[in-house]
Amino acid sequence: GEYYLHLFSKKQPDLNWDNPAVRNEVY
């Protein structure tokens, strides 16, 4: 029941870089 952000296609949800866990996954 919520919305997710996608600056591009709806099949391209934006990652939340404010979450340190996300940044560590990318690194």
PDB file of all heavy atoms in Angstrom:
ATOM      1  N   GLY A   1       0.787  -1.223   0.000  1.00  0.00           N
ATOM      2  CA  GLY A   1       0.000   0.000   0.000  1.00  0.00           C
ATOM      3  C   GLY A   1       0.825   1.282   0.000  1.00  0.00           C
ATOM      4  O   GLY A   1       0.345   2.323   0.459  1.00  0.00           O
ATOM      5  N   GLU A   2       2.048   1.215  -0.497  1.00  0.00           N
ATOM      6  CA  GLU A   2       2.896   2.401  -0.596  1.00  0.00           C
ATOM      7  C   GLU A   2       3.468   2.524  -2.006  1.00  0.00           C
ATOM      8  O   GLU A   2       3.348   1.613  -2.833  1.00  0.00           O
ATOM      9  CB  GLU A   2       4.032   2.356   0.437  1.00  0.00           C
ATOM     10  CG  GLU A   2       3.559   2.564   1.862  1.00  0.00           C
ATOM     11  CD  GLU A   2       4.714   2.802   2.813  1.00  0.00           C
ATOM     12  OE1 GLU A   2       5.821   2.257   2.583  1.00  0.00           O
ATOM     13  OE2 GLU A   2       4.515   3.517   3.812  1.00  0.00           O
ATOM     14  N   TYR A   3       4.090   3.678  -2.241  1.00  0.00           N
ATOM     15  CA  TYR A   3       4.718   3.962  -3.530  1.00  0.00           C
ATOM     16  C   TYR A   3       6.236   3.830  -3.412  1.00  0.00           C
ATOM     17  O   TYR A   3       6.821   4.167  -2.378  1.00  0.00           O
ATOM     18  CB  TYR A   3       4.425   5.396  -3.973  1.00  0.00           C
ATOM     19  CG  TYR A   3       2.993   5.702  -4.331  1.00  0.00           C
ATOM     20  CD1 TYR A   3       2.041   5.981  -3.344  1.00  0.00           C
ATOM     21  CD2 TYR A   3       2.593   5.756  -5.662  1.00  0.00           C
ATOM     22  CE1 TYR A   3       0.734   6.306  -3.673  1.00  0.00           C
ATOM     23  CE2 TYR A   3       1.278   6.085  -6.008  1.00  0.00           C
ATOM     24  CZ  TYR A   3       0.359   6.355  -5.009  1.00  0.00           C
ATOM     25  OH  TYR A   3      -0.923   6.678  -5.349  1.00  0.00           O
ATOM     26  N   TYR A   4       6.884   3.379  -4.494  1.00  0.00           N
ATOM     27  CA  TYR A   4       8.349   3.409  -4.534  1.00  0.00           C
ATOM     28  C   TYR A   4       8.808   4.380  -5.621  1.00  0.00           C
ATOM     29  O   TYR A   4       8.125   4.594  -6.627  1.00  0.00           O
ATOM     30  CB  TYR A   4       8.947   2.018  -4.757  1.00  0.00           C
ATOM     31  CG  TYR A   4       8.614   1.353  -6.081  1.00  0.00           C
ATOM     32  CD1 TYR A   4       9.373   1.609  -7.231  1.00  0.00           C
ATOM     33  CD2 TYR A   4       7.556   0.446  -6.185  1.00  0.00           C
ATOM     34  CE1 TYR A   4       9.081   0.999  -8.438  1.00  0.00           C
ATOM     35  CE2 TYR A   4       7.255  -0.172  -7.386  1.00  0.00           C
ATOM     36  CZ  TYR A   4       8.012   0.108  -8.509  1.00  0.00           C
ATOM     37  OH  TYR A   4       7.713  -0.498  -9.701  1.00  0.00           O
ATOM     38  N   LEU A   5       9.973   4.972  -5.406  1.00  0.00           N
ATOM     39  CA  LEU A   5      10.530   5.972  -6.312  1.00  0.00           C
ATOM     40  C   LEU A   5      11.292   5.311  -7.451  1.00  0.00           C
ATOM     41  O   LEU A   5      12.091   4.402  -7.229  1.00  0.00           O
ATOM     42  CB  LEU A   5      11.471   6.911  -5.552  1.00  0.00           C
ATOM     43  CG  LEU A   5      12.127   8.031  -6.382  1.00  0.00           C
ATOM     44  CD1 LEU A   5      11.089   9.075  -6.782  1.00  0.00           C
ATOM     45  CD2 LEU A   5      13.271   8.673  -5.589  1.00  0.00           C
ATOM     46  N   HIS A   6      11.049   5.784  -8.664  1.00  0.00           N
ATOM     47  CA  HIS A   6      11.827   5.335  -9.833  1.00  0.00           C
ATOM     48  C   HIS A   6      12.024   6.549 -10.750  1.00  0.00           C
ATOM     49  O   HIS A   6      11.107   6.989 -11.409  1.00  0.00           O
ATOM     50  CB  HIS A   6      11.126   4.191 -10.574  1.00  0.00           C
ATOM     51  CG  HIS A   6       9.757   4.548 -11.118  1.00  0.00           C
ATOM     52  ND1 HIS A   6       9.568   5.059 -12.393  1.00  0.00           N
ATOM     53  CD2 HIS A   6       8.533   4.491 -10.544  1.00  0.00           C
ATOM     54  CE1 HIS A   6       8.274   5.278 -12.587  1.00  0.00           C
ATOM     55  NE2 HIS A   6       7.614   4.954 -11.482  1.00  0.00           N
ATOM     56  N   LEU A   7      13.226   7.101 -10.773  1.00  0.00           N
ATOM     57  CA  LEU A   7      13.482   8.250 -11.639  1.00  0.00           C
ATOM     58  C   LEU A   7      13.373   7.868 -13.110  1.00  0.00           C
ATOM     59  O   LEU A   7      13.096   8.713 -13.952  1.00  0.00           O
ATOM     60  CB  LEU A   7      14.869   8.835 -11.360  1.00  0.00           C
ATOM     61  CG  LEU A   7      15.084   9.436  -9.971  1.00  0.00           C
ATOM     62  CD1 LEU A   7      16.493   9.989  -9.854  1.00  0.00           C
ATOM     63  CD2 LEU A   7      14.047  10.516  -9.669  1.00  0.00           C
ATOM     64  N   PHE A   8      13.556   6.593 -13.400  1.00  0.00           N
ATOM     65  CA  PHE A   8      13.503   6.130 -14.785  1.00  0.00           C
ATOM     66  C   PHE A   8      12.274   5.230 -14.962  1.00  0.00           C
ATOM     67  O   PHE A   8      11.188   5.609 -14.564  1.00  0.00           O
ATOM     68  CB  PHE A   8      14.833   5.448 -15.143  1.00  0.00           C
ATOM     69  CG  PHE A   8      15.981   6.435 -15.126  1.00  0.00           C
ATOM     70  CD1 PHE A   8      16.678   6.692 -13.949  1.00  0.00           C
ATOM     71  CD2 PHE A   8      16.319   7.145 -16.269  1.00  0.00           C
ATOM     72  CE1 PHE A   8      17.706   7.635 -13.925  1.00  0.00           C
ATOM     73  CE2 PHE A   8      17.344   8.088 -16.254  1.00  0.00           C
ATOM     74  CZ  PHE A   8      18.039   8.330 -15.083  1.00  0.00           C
ATOM     75  N   SER A   9      12.410   4.056 -15.510  1.00  0.00           N
ATOM     76  CA  SER A   9      11.272   3.168 -15.721  1.00  0.00           C
ATOM     77  C   SER A   9      10.718   2.664 -14.385  1.00  0.00           C
ATOM     78  O   SER A   9      11.444   2.576 -13.392  1.00  0.00           O
ATOM     79  CB  SER A   9      11.712   1.992 -16.591  1.00  0.00           C
ATOM     80  OG  SER A   9      10.881   0.876 -16.422  1.00  0.00           O
ATOM     81  N   LYS A  10       9.454   2.283 -14.389  1.00  0.00           N
ATOM     82  CA  LYS A  10       8.862   1.742 -13.169  1.00  0.00           C
ATOM     83  C   LYS A  10       9.502   0.410 -12.790  1.00  0.00           C
ATOM     84  O   LYS A  10       9.323  -0.066 -11.674  1.00  0.00           O
ATOM     85  CB  LYS A  10       7.348   1.585 -13.331  1.00  0.00           C
ATOM     86  CG  LYS A  10       6.915   0.543 -14.355  1.00  0.00           C
ATOM     87  CD  LYS A  10       5.390   0.497 -14.479  1.00  0.00           C
ATOM     88  CE  LYS A  10       4.947  -0.544 -15.495  1.00  0.00           C
ATOM     89  NZ  LYS A  10       3.456  -0.595 -15.634  1.00  0.00           N
ATOM     90  N   LYS A  11      10.239  -0.193 -13.725  1.00  0.00           N
ATOM     91  CA  LYS A  11      10.969  -1.420 -13.424  1.00  0.00           C
ATOM     92  C   LYS A  11      12.410  -1.132 -12.998  1.00  0.00           C
ATOM     93  O   LYS A  11      13.243  -2.042 -12.942  1.00  0.00           O
ATOM     94  CB  LYS A  11      10.956  -2.357 -14.639  1.00  0.00           C
ATOM     95  CG  LYS A  11       9.583  -2.999 -14.887  1.00  0.00           C
ATOM     96  CD  LYS A  11       9.610  -3.992 -16.033  1.00  0.00           C
ATOM     97  CE  LYS A  11      10.454  -5.215 -15.758  1.00  0.00           C
ATOM     98  NZ  LYS A  11       9.997  -6.042 -14.635  1.00  0.00           N
ATOM     99  N   GLN A  12      12.683   0.149 -12.660  1.00  0.00           N
ATOM    100  CA  GLN A  12      14.012   0.553 -12.197  1.00  0.00           C
ATOM    101  C   GLN A  12      13.905   1.336 -10.881  1.00  0.00           C
ATOM    102  O   GLN A  12      14.143   2.540 -10.834  1.00  0.00           O
ATOM    103  CB  GLN A  12      14.712   1.409 -13.258  1.00  0.00           C
ATOM    104  CG  GLN A  12      15.057   0.642 -14.536  1.00  0.00           C
ATOM    105  CD  GLN A  12      15.518   1.564 -15.648  1.00  0.00           C
ATOM    106  OE1 GLN A  12      14.740   2.358 -16.175  1.00  0.00           O
ATOM    107  NE2 GLN A  12      16.784   1.475 -16.017  1.00  0.00           N
ATOM    108  N   PRO A  13      13.538   0.662  -9.793  1.00  0.00           N
ATOM    109  CA  PRO A  13      13.379   1.371  -8.510  1.00  0.00           C
ATOM    110  C   PRO A  13      14.716   1.927  -8.010  1.00  0.00           C
ATOM    111  O   PRO A  13      15.753   1.261  -8.075  1.00  0.00           O
ATOM    112  CB  PRO A  13      12.848   0.280  -7.576  1.00  0.00           C
ATOM    113  CG  PRO A  13      13.300  -1.009  -8.186  1.00  0.00           C
ATOM    114  CD  PRO A  13      13.263  -0.780  -9.667  1.00  0.00           C
ATOM    115  N   ASP A  14      14.677   3.160  -7.490  1.00  0.00           N
ATOM    116  CA  ASP A  14      15.887   3.814  -6.991  1.00  0.00           C
ATOM    117  C   ASP A  14      16.325   3.209  -5.663  1.00  0.00           C
ATOM    118  O   ASP A  14      15.515   3.000  -4.754  1.00  0.00           O
ATOM    119  CB  ASP A  14      15.640   5.311  -6.789  1.00  0.00           C
ATOM    120  CG  ASP A  14      15.754   6.088  -8.079  1.00  0.00           C
ATOM    121  OD1 ASP A  14      15.156   5.654  -9.086  1.00  0.00           O
ATOM    122  OD2 ASP A  14      16.450   7.125  -8.098  1.00  0.00           O
ATOM    123  N   LEU A  15      17.631   2.983  -5.544  1.00  0.00           N
ATOM    124  CA  LEU A  15      18.206   2.539  -4.280  1.00  0.00           C
ATOM    125  C   LEU A  15      18.254   3.696  -3.287  1.00  0.00           C
ATOM    126  O   LEU A  15      18.386   4.861  -3.676  1.00  0.00           O
ATOM    127  CB  LEU A  15      19.615   2.000  -4.504  1.00  0.00           C
ATOM    128  CG  LEU A  15      19.703   0.609  -5.142  1.00  0.00           C
ATOM    129  CD1 LEU A  15      21.123   0.337  -5.640  1.00  0.00           C
ATOM    130  CD2 LEU A  15      19.267  -0.481  -4.163  1.00  0.00           C
ATOM    131  N   ASN A  16      18.181   3.368  -2.034  1.00  0.00           N
ATOM    132  CA  ASN A  16      18.244   4.363  -0.959  1.00  0.00           C
ATOM    133  C   ASN A  16      19.685   4.470  -0.455  1.00  0.00           C
ATOM    134  O   ASN A  16      20.102   3.749   0.453  1.00  0.00           O
ATOM    135  CB  ASN A  16      17.302   3.956   0.170  1.00  0.00           C
ATOM    136  CG  ASN A  16      17.390   4.899   1.358  1.00  0.00           C
ATOM    137  OD1 ASN A  16      17.871   6.030   1.233  1.00  0.00           O
ATOM    138  ND2 ASN A  16      16.931   4.442   2.515  1.00  0.00           N
ATOM    139  N   TRP A  17      20.446   5.386  -1.042  1.00  0.00           N
ATOM    140  CA  TRP A  17      21.857   5.525  -0.689  1.00  0.00           C
ATOM    141  C   TRP A  17      22.057   6.092   0.713  1.00  0.00           C
ATOM    142  O   TRP A  17      23.166   6.039   1.251  1.00  0.00           O
ATOM    143  CB  TRP A  17      22.570   6.391  -1.732  1.00  0.00           C
ATOM    144  CG  TRP A  17      23.085   5.575  -2.876  1.00  0.00           C
ATOM    145  CD1 TRP A  17      22.345   4.970  -3.852  1.00  0.00           C
ATOM    146  CD2 TRP A  17      24.450   5.248  -3.140  1.00  0.00           C
ATOM    147  NE1 TRP A  17      23.158   4.290  -4.715  1.00  0.00           N
ATOM    148  CE2 TRP A  17      24.462   4.441  -4.308  1.00  0.00           C
ATOM    149  CE3 TRP A  17      25.654   5.549  -2.516  1.00  0.00           C
ATOM    150  CZ2 TRP A  17      25.646   3.939  -4.848  1.00  0.00           C
ATOM    151  CZ3 TRP A  17      26.829   5.058  -3.070  1.00  0.00           C
ATOM    152  CH2 TRP A  17      26.821   4.260  -4.218  1.00  0.00           C
ATOM    153  N   ASP A  18      21.016   6.630   1.331  1.00  0.00           N
ATOM    154  CA  ASP A  18      21.150   7.090   2.715  1.00  0.00           C
ATOM    155  C   ASP A  18      21.280   5.921   3.691  1.00  0.00           C
ATOM    156  O   ASP A  18      21.661   6.118   4.841  1.00  0.00           O
ATOM    157  CB  ASP A  18      19.942   7.955   3.101  1.00  0.00           C
ATOM    158  CG  ASP A  18      19.916   9.277   2.346  1.00  0.00           C
ATOM    159  OD1 ASP A  18      20.975   9.689   1.829  1.00  0.00           O
ATOM    160  OD2 ASP A  18      18.832   9.899   2.279  1.00  0.00           O
ATOM    161  N   ASN A  19      20.979   4.723   3.211  1.00  0.00           N
ATOM    162  CA  ASN A  19      21.094   3.510   4.029  1.00  0.00           C
ATOM    163  C   ASN A  19      22.524   2.963   3.897  1.00  0.00           C
ATOM    164  O   ASN A  19      22.921   2.539   2.807  1.00  0.00           O
ATOM    165  CB  ASN A  19      20.073   2.472   3.546  1.00  0.00           C
ATOM    166  CG  ASN A  19      20.082   1.209   4.375  1.00  0.00           C
ATOM    167  OD1 ASN A  19      20.994   0.964   5.159  1.00  0.00           O
ATOM    168  ND2 ASN A  19      19.052   0.380   4.180  1.00  0.00           N
ATOM    169  N   PRO A  20      23.318   2.951   4.962  1.00  0.00           N
ATOM    170  CA  PRO A  20      24.704   2.461   4.877  1.00  0.00           C
ATOM    171  C   PRO A  20      24.800   1.029   4.352  1.00  0.00           C
ATOM    172  O   PRO A  20      25.784   0.673   3.703  1.00  0.00           O
ATOM    173  CB  PRO A  20      25.221   2.553   6.312  1.00  0.00           C
ATOM    174  CG  PRO A  20      24.285   3.458   7.025  1.00  0.00           C
ATOM    175  CD  PRO A  20      22.970   3.378   6.324  1.00  0.00           C
ATOM    176  N   ALA A  21      23.797   0.213   4.626  1.00  0.00           N
ATOM    177  CA  ALA A  21      23.820  -1.175   4.154  1.00  0.00           C
ATOM    178  C   ALA A  21      23.811  -1.225   2.631  1.00  0.00           C
ATOM    179  O   ALA A  21      24.475  -2.082   2.021  1.00  0.00           O
ATOM    180  CB  ALA A  21      22.625  -1.940   4.719  1.00  0.00           C
ATOM    181  N   VAL A  22      23.061  -0.319   2.008  1.00  0.00           N
ATOM    182  CA  VAL A  22      23.030  -0.253   0.544  1.00  0.00           C
ATOM    183  C   VAL A  22      24.406   0.112   0.006  1.00  0.00           C
ATOM    184  O   VAL A  22      24.930  -0.509  -0.929  1.00  0.00           O
ATOM    185  CB  VAL A  22      21.979   0.770   0.069  1.00  0.00           C
ATOM    186  CG1 VAL A  22      22.142   1.062  -1.428  1.00  0.00           C
ATOM    187  CG2 VAL A  22      20.573   0.266   0.366  1.00  0.00           C
ATOM    188  N   ARG A  23      25.009   1.137   0.605  1.00  0.00           N
ATOM    189  CA  ARG A  23      26.319   1.581   0.122  1.00  0.00           C
ATOM    190  C   ARG A  23      27.343   0.456   0.260  1.00  0.00           C
ATOM    191  O   ARG A  23      28.159   0.224  -0.649  1.00  0.00           O
ATOM    192  CB  ARG A  23      26.767   2.828   0.879  1.00  0.00           C
ATOM    193  CG  ARG A  23      25.766   3.983   0.768  1.00  0.00           C
ATOM    194  CD  ARG A  23      26.387   5.319   1.073  1.00  0.00           C
ATOM    195  NE  ARG A  23      26.938   5.441   2.404  1.00  0.00           N
ATOM    196  CZ  ARG A  23      26.236   5.758   3.497  1.00  0.00           C
ATOM    197  NH1 ARG A  23      24.924   5.962   3.404  1.00  0.00           N
ATOM    198  NH2 ARG A  23      26.826   5.877   4.675  1.00  0.00           N
ATOM    199  N   ASN A  24      27.305  -0.260   1.365  1.00  0.00           N
ATOM    200  CA  ASN A  24      28.260  -1.356   1.564  1.00  0.00           C
ATOM    201  C   ASN A  24      28.043  -2.495   0.574  1.00  0.00           C
ATOM    202  O   ASN A  24      29.006  -3.117   0.109  1.00  0.00           O
ATOM    203  CB  ASN A  24      28.181  -1.871   2.997  1.00  0.00           C
ATOM    204  CG  ASN A  24      28.763  -0.890   4.002  1.00  0.00           C
ATOM    205  OD1 ASN A  24      29.673  -0.133   3.677  1.00  0.00           O
ATOM    206  ND2 ASN A  24      28.234  -0.897   5.222  1.00  0.00           N
ATOM    207  N   GLU A  25      26.780  -2.753   0.238  1.00  0.00           N
ATOM    208  CA  GLU A  25      26.492  -3.770  -0.780  1.00  0.00           C
ATOM    209  C   GLU A  25      27.116  -3.360  -2.120  1.00  0.00           C
ATOM    210  O   GLU A  25      27.731  -4.178  -2.825  1.00  0.00           O
ATOM    211  CB  GLU A  25      24.975  -3.938  -0.958  1.00  0.00           C
ATOM    212  CG  GLU A  25      24.253  -4.515   0.239  1.00  0.00           C
ATOM    213  CD  GLU A  25      24.089  -6.025   0.161  1.00  0.00           C
ATOM    214  OE1 GLU A  25      24.863  -6.679  -0.573  1.00  0.00           O
ATOM    215  OE2 GLU A  25      23.176  -6.543   0.843  1.00  0.00           O
ATOM    216  N   VAL A  26      26.951  -2.087  -2.475  1.00  0.00           N
ATOM    217  CA  VAL A  26      27.502  -1.595  -3.745  1.00  0.00           C
ATOM    218  C   VAL A  26      29.021  -1.672  -3.730  1.00  0.00           C
ATOM    219  O   VAL A  26      29.651  -2.122  -4.698  1.00  0.00           O
ATOM    220  CB  VAL A  26      27.022  -0.165  -4.024  1.00  0.00           C
ATOM    221  CG1 VAL A  26      27.745   0.423  -5.240  1.00  0.00           C
ATOM    222  CG2 VAL A  26      25.510  -0.137  -4.262  1.00  0.00           C
ATOM    223  N   TYR A  27      29.634  -1.246  -2.628  1.00  0.00           N
ATOM    224  CA  TYR A  27      31.095  -1.261  -2.553  1.00  0.00           C
ATOM    225  C   TYR A  27      31.638  -2.691  -2.639  1.00  0.00           C
ATOM    226  O   TYR A  27      32.657  -2.939  -3.302  1.00  0.00           O
ATOM    227  CB  TYR A  27      31.580  -0.598  -1.264  1.00  0.00           C
ATOM    228  CG  TYR A  27      31.117   0.833  -1.071  1.00  0.00           C
ATOM    229  CD1 TYR A  27      31.047   1.396   0.203  1.00  0.00           C
ATOM    230  CD2 TYR A  27      30.733   1.620  -2.151  1.00  0.00           C
ATOM    231  CE1 TYR A  27      30.621   2.704   0.396  1.00  0.00           C
ATOM    232  CE2 TYR A  27      30.298   2.930  -1.978  1.00  0.00           C
ATOM    233  CZ  TYR A  27      30.234   3.460  -0.692  1.00  0.00           C
ATOM    234  OH  TYR A  27      29.803   4.753  -0.512  1.00  0.00           O
TER     235      TYR A  27
END
